[in-house]
Amino acid sequence: MPDAGSDEHLQQALQQAKHQGFQEGARQAGESAQSQIQAAINQTSARLAESLSEITALRPRLRREAESQVVELALAIARKILHRTITMDAEAIAGLVHASVARIDARDLLSIRIAPCHLTQANAAVTRLGLPGQVTVIADQRLEPGGLVLETARGQLDASVNTQLAEIERGFTDYLDAGETS
């Protein structure tokens, strides 16, 4: 027959083993949960760092795109204003002729081709400038309003409004492209 003391002792040992097993299970569960939480934190931190890196890289690209769009908008506005001015102000064509002739040696000037709608203003500008008698003003059907081409002994100079705006646009594009590489 089993001894009552040994039975009690066995119960205590069993209770103690059960308690230790519970403690060990709780400890392992805690460590496992801690490990899972740390892995989730590491993964979230890595995703956050990657997102921040993408945002940082996105900023210069968005700035370049915005700059480019601002240049396009400014040139579109300038184009509209210049065309309206040329249409409504007779002196605008005279100013265009004067500025264009100033860029060349007037002695080399043979003819000025201009959009037909500006023929009268161009003739008046040539007279006011006192250009040599060999200079003729020609209405060129191929030129649109604001179109102006100087024919010289050395070649042609396209001083049309659209050509000048295109040159300004190229300058801005070159400037923006240079900003991308620096």
Protein backbone atom coordinates (compact mmCIF):
# COMPACT_ATOMS: atom_id res chain seq x y z
CA MET A 1 0.00 0.00 0.00
CA PRO A 2 1.34 3.40 -0.93
CA ASP A 3 2.46 5.64 1.78
CA ALA A 4 0.33 8.75 2.39
CA GLY A 5 3.45 10.89 2.77
CA SER A 6 4.82 9.70 -0.51
CA ASP A 7 1.49 10.33 -2.18
CA GLU A 8 1.50 13.86 -0.85
CA HIS A 9 5.08 14.25 -1.94
CA LEU A 10 4.19 12.99 -5.41
CA GLN A 11 1.26 15.43 -5.56
CA GLN A 12 3.54 18.31 -4.60
CA ALA A 13 6.16 17.25 -7.17
CA LEU A 14 3.42 16.95 -9.79
CA GLN A 15 2.02 20.36 -8.81
CA GLN A 16 5.49 21.87 -8.92
CA ALA A 17 6.24 20.26 -12.32
CA LYS A 18 2.90 21.51 -13.60
CA HIS A 19 3.67 25.00 -12.33
CA GLN A 20 7.19 24.90 -13.87
CA GLY A 21 5.73 23.62 -17.14
CA PHE A 22 3.22 26.44 -17.14
CA GLN A 23 5.95 28.97 -16.35
CA GLU A 24 8.19 27.55 -19.10
CA GLY A 25 5.31 27.60 -21.62
CA ALA A 26 4.46 31.17 -20.70
CA ARG A 27 8.12 32.16 -21.01
CA GLN A 28 8.45 30.48 -24.43
CA ALA A 29 5.15 32.00 -25.60
CA GLY A 30 6.36 35.42 -24.45
CA GLU A 31 9.68 34.98 -26.24
CA SER A 32 7.90 33.80 -29.39
CA ALA A 33 5.48 36.74 -29.26
CA GLN A 34 8.39 39.13 -28.64
CA SER A 35 10.26 37.63 -31.59
CA GLN A 36 7.19 37.96 -33.86
CA ILE A 37 6.61 41.54 -32.73
CA GLN A 38 10.27 42.42 -33.36
CA ALA A 39 10.12 40.81 -36.83
CA ALA A 40 6.96 42.82 -37.62
CA ILE A 41 8.64 46.02 -36.37
CA ASN A 42 11.73 45.31 -38.48
CA GLN A 43 9.59 44.62 -41.55
CA THR A 44 7.53 47.78 -41.00
CA SER A 45 10.70 49.83 -40.45
CA ALA A 46 12.20 48.48 -43.66
CA ARG A 47 9.01 49.32 -45.61
CA LEU A 48 8.92 52.79 -44.04
CA ALA A 49 12.59 53.41 -44.94
CA GLU A 50 11.91 52.24 -48.50
CA SER A 51 8.85 54.53 -48.75
CA LEU A 52 10.85 57.49 -47.46
CA SER A 53 13.57 56.76 -49.98
CA GLU A 54 11.00 56.65 -52.81
CA ILE A 55 9.44 59.93 -51.61
CA THR A 56 12.87 61.55 -51.43
CA ALA A 57 13.65 60.41 -54.99
CA LEU A 58 10.22 61.55 -56.19
CA ARG A 59 10.64 65.16 -55.05
CA PRO A 60 13.28 66.22 -57.63
CA ARG A 61 11.34 64.51 -60.44
CA LEU A 62 8.14 66.29 -59.47
CA ARG A 63 10.02 69.58 -59.28
CA ARG A 64 11.49 69.08 -62.78
CA GLU A 65 8.05 68.20 -64.15
CA ALA A 66 6.50 71.25 -62.48
CA GLU A 67 9.27 73.51 -63.81
CA SER A 68 8.77 72.13 -67.30
CA GLN A 69 5.01 72.68 -67.10
CA VAL A 70 5.50 76.24 -65.83
CA VAL A 71 7.81 76.97 -68.79
CA GLU A 72 5.26 75.52 -71.23
CA LEU A 73 2.49 77.58 -69.65
CA ALA A 74 4.55 80.77 -69.68
CA LEU A 75 5.44 80.29 -73.35
CA ALA A 76 1.82 79.57 -74.27
CA ILE A 77 0.77 82.78 -72.52
CA ALA A 78 3.58 84.73 -74.19
CA ARG A 79 2.59 83.30 -77.58
CA LYS A 80 -1.04 84.41 -77.11
CA ILE A 81 -0.06 87.87 -75.90
CA LEU A 82 2.43 88.40 -78.74
CA HIS A 83 0.00 87.25 -81.41
CA ARG A 84 -2.75 89.46 -80.01
CA THR A 85 -0.34 92.41 -79.81
CA ILE A 86 0.85 91.87 -83.38
CA THR A 87 -2.74 91.67 -84.58
CA MET A 88 -3.94 94.77 -82.75
CA ASP A 89 -0.89 97.05 -82.63
CA ALA A 90 0.62 98.22 -85.92
CA GLU A 91 3.75 99.41 -84.13
CA ALA A 92 4.46 95.87 -82.89
CA ILE A 93 5.45 94.77 -86.41
CA ALA A 94 7.56 97.91 -86.83
CA GLY A 95 9.33 97.00 -83.58
CA LEU A 96 9.86 93.44 -84.78
CA VAL A 97 11.33 94.68 -88.10
CA HIS A 98 13.55 97.21 -86.31
CA ALA A 99 14.85 94.65 -83.78
CA SER A 100 15.50 92.11 -86.54
CA VAL A 101 17.36 94.55 -88.79
CA ALA A 102 19.48 95.64 -85.81
CA ARG A 103 20.81 92.05 -85.57
CA ILE A 104 22.39 92.16 -89.04
CA ASP A 105 24.46 94.53 -91.16
CA ALA A 106 21.77 96.57 -92.97
CA ARG A 107 24.08 96.92 -96.00
CA ASP A 108 23.73 93.17 -96.57
CA LEU A 109 19.93 93.27 -96.40
CA LEU A 110 18.27 92.41 -99.72
CA SER A 111 14.64 91.76 -98.83
CA ILE A 112 12.21 91.25 -96.04
CA ARG A 113 9.62 88.52 -96.37
CA ILE A 114 6.63 89.05 -94.11
CA ALA A 115 3.14 87.66 -93.56
CA PRO A 116 0.76 89.38 -95.98
CA CYS A 117 -1.33 90.88 -93.18
CA HIS A 118 1.72 92.92 -92.04
CA LEU A 119 2.86 94.24 -95.41
CA THR A 120 1.77 97.85 -94.84
CA GLN A 121 3.36 98.06 -91.37
CA ALA A 122 6.61 96.48 -92.62
CA ASN A 123 6.86 98.95 -95.54
CA ALA A 124 6.37 101.84 -93.12
CA ALA A 125 9.04 100.42 -90.79
CA VAL A 126 11.54 100.05 -93.66
CA THR A 127 10.90 103.68 -94.67
CA ARG A 128 11.35 104.93 -91.08
CA LEU A 129 14.58 102.96 -90.71
CA GLY A 130 15.99 104.60 -93.86
CA LEU A 131 17.13 101.24 -95.24
CA PRO A 132 19.00 101.10 -98.56
CA GLY A 133 16.89 101.30 -101.73
CA GLN A 134 17.70 97.72 -102.72
CA VAL A 135 15.61 96.35 -99.81
CA THR A 136 12.22 95.09 -100.89
CA VAL A 137 9.38 93.99 -98.66
CA ILE A 138 7.65 90.86 -99.94
CA ALA A 139 4.28 89.49 -98.77
CA ASP A 140 4.93 85.75 -98.31
CA GLN A 141 1.75 83.64 -98.22
CA ARG A 142 3.68 80.82 -96.49
CA LEU A 143 4.29 82.97 -93.41
CA GLU A 144 1.69 83.19 -90.68
CA PRO A 145 0.97 86.37 -88.71
CA GLY A 146 4.14 87.35 -86.89
CA GLY A 147 6.27 85.70 -89.58
CA LEU A 148 9.35 87.65 -90.67
CA VAL A 149 12.38 86.46 -92.67
CA LEU A 150 15.29 88.72 -93.61
CA GLU A 151 17.14 87.80 -96.81
CA THR A 152 20.75 88.96 -96.84
CA ALA A 153 23.74 88.50 -99.09
CA ARG A 154 24.98 85.97 -96.50
CA GLY A 155 21.77 84.00 -96.03
CA GLN A 156 18.49 84.17 -94.17
CA LEU A 157 17.51 85.22 -90.68
CA ASP A 158 14.15 83.89 -89.51
CA ALA A 159 13.04 86.53 -87.00
CA SER A 160 9.46 85.30 -86.78
CA VAL A 161 7.74 85.49 -83.42
CA ASN A 162 7.27 81.71 -83.32
CA THR A 163 10.94 81.11 -84.16
CA GLN A 164 12.03 83.44 -81.37
CA LEU A 165 9.68 81.75 -78.90
CA ALA A 166 11.00 78.35 -79.97
CA GLU A 167 14.54 79.59 -79.29
CA ILE A 168 13.51 80.81 -75.84
CA GLU A 169 11.88 77.44 -75.19
CA ARG A 170 15.09 75.62 -76.20
CA GLY A 171 17.03 77.86 -73.82
CA PHE A 172 14.69 77.01 -70.95
CA THR A 173 14.81 73.31 -71.83
CA ASP A 174 18.62 73.37 -71.86
CA TYR A 175 18.60 75.20 -68.52
CA LEU A 176 16.20 72.66 -66.98
CA ASP A 177 18.19 69.74 -68.42
CA ALA A 178 21.40 71.19 -66.97
CA GLY A 179 19.65 71.41 -63.58
CA GLU A 180 18.83 67.68 -63.73
CA THR A 181 22.47 66.72 -64.11
CA SER A 182 23.77 68.88 -61.28
